[in-house]
Amino acid sequence: MNNIQRYATPLPMPFSKAVRAGGFVFLSGVLPMNSQGQLLGGGIVQQARAVIDRIAATLGEAGATLGDVVRVNVWLSNWDDFAAFNEEYRRHFDAALPARSTVQAVLYGGAGVEIEVQAWVGE
């Protein structure tokens, strides 16, 4: 029996926004976009908040919360945003800090941040 559940993205892109396999939910990288796929403006704090809010909504569809996140990968386009990003990140994850990697990268459309997460939801 196939225990893989895929959550389609509403965007016209060739990937699932999330996949539940076994006891884990894997989210694709999330950029600061609105529901039409347009990048949001604003600084790193506003972009990070928008991304984390979208992650929380997707996790909710899969029966998980930010507190269930065990692994986070973060890409920042500007390393100078690291401290401000961390402040906003802590507001959302401070109660249960997951393992995390953060690197600098050139991101789609000039976005300031992209985040992907893996969460444990149980068998």
Protein backbone atom coordinates (compact mmCIF):
# COMPACT_ATOMS: atom_id res chain seq x y z
CA MET A 1 0.00 0.00 0.00
CA ASN A 2 1.29 3.44 -0.95
CA ASN A 3 1.37 5.71 2.11
CA ILE A 4 2.44 8.79 0.18
CA GLN A 5 0.07 11.76 0.05
CA ARG A 6 0.82 14.72 -2.20
CA TYR A 7 -0.50 18.26 -1.67
CA ALA A 8 -0.73 20.11 -4.99
CA THR A 9 0.47 23.68 -5.24
CA PRO A 10 -2.11 26.18 -6.51
CA LEU A 11 0.71 27.84 -8.47
CA PRO A 12 1.42 26.83 -12.08
CA MET A 13 4.66 25.06 -11.10
CA PRO A 14 5.77 21.43 -11.57
CA PHE A 15 5.99 20.28 -7.95
CA SER A 16 3.89 19.41 -4.92
CA LYS A 17 3.89 22.03 -2.18
CA ALA A 18 4.12 19.18 0.33
CA VAL A 19 4.40 15.41 0.44
CA ARG A 20 3.45 13.25 3.41
CA ALA A 21 5.36 9.97 3.52
CA GLY A 22 5.18 7.70 6.53
CA GLY A 23 5.35 9.87 9.60
CA PHE A 24 6.94 12.88 7.89
CA VAL A 25 5.71 15.86 5.90
CA PHE A 26 8.23 17.39 3.49
CA LEU A 27 7.53 20.90 2.21
CA SER A 28 9.00 22.27 -0.98
CA GLY A 29 10.91 25.51 -0.69
CA VAL A 30 8.59 28.43 0.04
CA LEU A 31 9.26 31.89 -1.36
CA PRO A 32 7.56 35.13 -0.26
CA MET A 33 4.76 34.98 -2.85
CA ASN A 34 1.10 35.85 -2.85
CA SER A 35 -1.58 33.38 -3.97
CA GLN A 36 -1.06 34.41 -7.62
CA GLY A 37 2.64 33.55 -7.49
CA GLN A 38 3.86 37.14 -7.45
CA LEU A 39 6.82 37.93 -5.21
CA LEU A 40 6.07 40.17 -2.26
CA GLY A 41 8.08 43.28 -1.59
CA GLY A 42 9.26 44.47 1.78
CA GLY A 43 12.31 43.74 3.83
CA ILE A 44 13.56 40.44 5.18
CA VAL A 45 11.28 40.55 8.23
CA GLN A 46 8.12 40.95 6.13
CA GLN A 47 9.27 38.32 3.65
CA ALA A 48 10.23 35.84 6.37
CA ARG A 49 6.88 36.35 8.13
CA ALA A 50 4.98 35.75 4.87
CA VAL A 51 6.98 32.57 4.16
CA ILE A 52 6.56 31.17 7.67
CA ASP A 53 2.82 31.95 7.60
CA ARG A 54 2.51 30.02 4.30
CA ILE A 55 4.51 27.15 5.79
CA ALA A 56 2.21 27.06 8.84
CA ALA A 57 -0.86 26.97 6.57
CA THR A 58 0.53 24.12 4.47
CA LEU A 59 1.52 22.18 7.58
CA GLY A 60 -2.02 22.66 8.85
CA GLU A 61 -3.40 21.02 5.71
CA ALA A 62 -1.24 17.99 6.52
CA GLY A 63 -2.25 17.88 10.18
CA ALA A 64 0.94 19.45 11.54
CA THR A 65 2.06 22.69 13.17
CA LEU A 66 5.28 24.66 13.36
CA GLY A 67 5.93 22.84 16.63
CA ASP A 68 6.16 19.56 14.68
CA VAL A 69 8.98 20.84 12.44
CA VAL A 70 12.20 18.88 12.95
CA ARG A 71 14.38 20.27 10.13
CA VAL A 72 14.60 23.64 8.37
CA ASN A 73 16.70 24.73 5.39
CA VAL A 74 16.96 28.48 4.85
CA TRP A 75 18.37 30.36 1.88
CA LEU A 76 19.02 34.09 2.30
CA SER A 77 19.91 36.27 -0.66
CA ASN A 78 21.80 38.75 1.54
CA TRP A 79 23.92 37.57 4.45
CA ASP A 80 23.49 41.01 6.05
CA ASP A 81 19.84 39.99 6.72
CA PHE A 82 20.89 37.08 8.95
CA ALA A 83 20.31 38.82 12.31
CA ALA A 84 16.96 40.34 11.36
CA PHE A 85 15.84 37.03 9.86
CA ASN A 86 16.80 35.21 13.07
CA GLU A 87 14.69 37.61 15.16
CA GLU A 88 11.59 36.91 13.06
CA TYR A 89 12.34 33.18 12.87
CA ARG A 90 12.63 32.98 16.66
CA ARG A 91 9.15 34.55 17.04
CA HIS A 92 7.69 31.50 15.26
CA PHE A 93 9.96 28.62 16.34
CA ASP A 94 11.36 29.61 19.75
CA ALA A 95 9.19 27.16 21.69
CA ALA A 96 10.56 24.18 19.74
CA LEU A 97 13.68 25.02 17.75
CA PRO A 98 14.25 22.52 14.92
CA ALA A 99 17.61 21.57 13.43
CA ARG A 100 18.51 24.17 10.79
CA SER A 101 20.93 25.08 8.03
CA THR A 102 21.21 28.58 6.56
CA VAL A 103 23.12 29.49 3.42
CA GLN A 104 23.36 32.44 1.09
CA ALA A 105 22.09 32.01 -2.48
CA VAL A 106 20.73 33.87 -5.47
CA LEU A 107 16.96 33.34 -5.22
CA TYR A 108 14.19 33.36 -7.79
CA GLY A 109 13.05 36.83 -8.80
CA GLY A 110 15.30 38.53 -6.29
CA ALA A 111 13.47 37.14 -3.26
CA GLY A 112 15.16 37.72 0.08
CA VAL A 113 14.45 34.30 1.59
CA GLU A 114 13.35 30.76 0.78
CA ILE A 115 12.57 28.15 3.42
CA GLU A 116 11.81 24.44 3.29
CA VAL A 117 10.86 22.29 6.27
CA GLN A 118 10.32 18.70 7.29
CA ALA A 119 7.86 17.89 10.08
CA TRP A 120 7.07 14.77 12.09
CA VAL A 121 3.37 13.94 12.20
CA GLY A 122 3.57 10.33 13.36
CA GLU A 123 2.66 7.12 11.62
